Amino acid sequence: MSLDISQIAPPRPCVRHVVRDRLLAAVDATPAGGVCVVVGGPGFGKTELLLDWASRPGVVGAWLTAARSDNDPARFWRHLAAACEHAGLFDQAESEVKDLTGFLAAMAARSRPGGWMVIDDAHVLVDEAIQADLARLVDALGDEVRLLVASRADLAWRLARQRARGMVVDIGERDLQLDRAEVGALVASSALEVPDEAVDRLAARTEGWVAGVQLALRSALGSVDPAGYLGSLRGDDRPIAEFLLEEALDDQPDANRRFLLETSILDRLSGPLCDAVTGRGDSSRRLAELERSHVLVSRLDDAEPSYRYHPLFVDLLRSELASDPEARPGVLHGRAAKWFEAHGDIDRAVRHFAAVPDLEAAVALVHDHEDELFRKGEVGLLQDWYSLLPDLAGGADPDEQLLRLLWSSLAAGDAAEVWTPALDRLHRRATRPGADPWLVAEVAVVDAHVAAREGDSDAALRRATDAIDAFSAMGADPNRPAVAYASLLAARSEVWTGAPDAAERRMQSALDDPAFTDPFWLSAFVGALAFVEVYQGHFRAGLARADRLAPRPGGSDTPPVGAIESAFARVVALRSLGLVDDARRAVDDAREVAATSTSGEPFRFLLAVEAARIELLCGDLDAAEKALANVEDLPRFAHGRQELELALRMWREERSRREGITELTSREVEVLSLLPTRLTLQEIADELFVSANTVKTHVKSIYVKLDVTNRDDATRRAAELRLIPPSR
């Protein structure tokens, strides 16, 4: 059979491509007598790289595009010799070469030193004799000739020894991926005017797959919205789909094609998982072969072998699966869901059950695990589930779904504008005639939570009590989270409204209830009891209880609900007992706990006040002042304002004592606080309902005590001494 001249002539380069200088530098690093191996899947720019190298000034290269018919050794060596003769590397006629020995003889008799032998599409050379001879050829290249090979699959040549000697340069698929700058250069060369964000999305979506970028740009040129097209690129778009079908899928054996289609429902693949989905027993071997063949399959950096398909390839495979009359995607999803459930991957199990669709199983899994995820703080995942299921779940109660979404948003710390519409909608439903009593009670708990985190203890106690009464009337299980949380919120609010004994009775009654068995809430109520005891003045008892629950550095199993009460109790108890060093450390620990709770804002405020009081005990007025400066913007929290005023009074008294300043009377402080307003003395008198002469007397006394002679100096001195409350 005569030689097809196109095999030994470099193909025409792509009309539009980017020169890969970083890869050309890697090729250039090939040692004399060595080999550069370029391996990547279809469309990764291997041939373009070889063409760019062969066209560089000073490079003399013989080119051979291997064909499947070249798996006859005599034919292959004759064709490679013809390529060398065509490039001017050999003098001897190619017809005289029939094997490796003849080729080496022709190479030894060459008249022109140096040069490259380029073999493209080397993956089609599957003949074991040829592969073995090519490995021996690398050993015999000498110092003048280099070999440049491109293949879609890892070479089966035995090159381990040559690699160990540093004679092999490998350029893999990850190296071939276009980086962001190279994608940008291709976009620029296409004359498309799109924003940088569209280029970023194109680079991310294609993952640097050269053919994907080029085909996307070609289609975008004919689109009325090029930026939108690039941002929503899919692998089942016609140009990309045709390329993938022709170059990646249609050449696969039927068994491989079926395997690819059936496993395309998975985002991450492993042998055992694919066996479960397909009913096969050879998935591990098949995945490894596909990865070695670079069929847009890549291995992930996991301890156990796992793989993923290129996202555009997945689009095509799923499109083909959907149109395959023999496919059973529902069965495949069901198998995947059961495998993930058995292996503890609940998120993927839920999603595959929803895709079957087996909504009953999906909803049951969500209900089984939502409390656990809520307690772990994984509310983002909960929100994903809730948004996935309502449209599919048909019979799911919309109020319950909305309530779950609301709680997950509150727990995530979302801004009020995120969850307020949902709460407003639930309020409207809860106030309708004949509203479900459960909904009314649950909404009251949400209201109590919101009020507590804003520091409105009166409102929190009122709404929590409403909820408790409603639940009691319905005979609710005390272990129900909403019932337990309402009790905890009520106890916290009772402490802050001056009724710690009522809070103690509430907590103790709950703990003594034999029907109350949930370990999570039992632990939370014990933490709340420590908080109550400290406010009752039982510092050592509260500290002992808190020490069993308060988190320590390195983690704790204490639930976030109740842990903040326990952690705060430790701070107050240690400060009250004069253990200031321990109290300082406890403040830091408690701040970490408060940051995990969306109802922890009042505690964060109180902790700043406690930090100031601890510094006052240590005699560090400057540190105390710094701590107090952090809480000058008072929240709507009556108990917090009282605590702050107490700390400020302590600070002022200590500052006055040190500077020999006589303490002002409460009436003098009132007059002093109005001096910065520039009201006249008569206007100040009217404000305080006293005579102008009385105000004059107080002003003279203030001047004497502050050692000043005028109103401006009095105001300045008062600010220095923090005699004027920060809220004014």
Foldseek 3Di string as FASTA:
>chain_A
DDDDVPFFDQDDADPFADADVVVLVLVVPQAFLFEEEEEAAPQLCLSVNVVVNCPDPPAQETGGEDDLVLLQAQNVQLRQVCSCVVSQQFPDHSVQGRHLVSSLVRNVRGPDFAHEYEYEQCQSNPNPVVLASVLVSSVSSPRRYYYYYYHHFARPRPCPVVVVVVNYRYHYSLNSADDLVRLVVRLVVLVDDDDSVLSVQLCVQQVRRNNSSVQLSVVLVVDPDSSVCSNPPALVPPVNLVCLCVRQAVPDPPVLNVLLLQCLVDAKADQVLSCQLVVDNCSNVSLVRCCRSNSQKHWDPDPHTMIGHRRRVSRSSPVVLVPDPPHQLLSSLQSNLVVCVVVVNLLSNLVSCVVNVVLVVNVVSCVVCVVVCLQVLVLVSVLVSLVSRPVPVVPDDPLVSLLSNLVSCLLNVHDCVVNVVSLVVLVVQLPDPPRDLVSVLLSLLVQLLVCLLLQNLVSNLVSLVVSLVSCVVVVHQCQPVSNLSSLLSNLVSCLLVPNLVVSLVSLVVLLPDPSHDPPLSVLLSLLLNLLSCVSVVVLVVSLVSLVVAADDPPDDPRGLRNNLSSLLSNLSSCVVVVVLVVNVVSLVSSVVSLVSGSSSNLVVLVSLLSQLSSVVSVVNLVSSVVSLVVCLPPGPHVSSVVSSVVSLVSSLVSVCVVVVFDDADPVLLLLLLCLVVPDDLCVSCVVVVHHSVVSVVSVVVLCVRQVHDDSVVSNVSCVVSVSHRSND
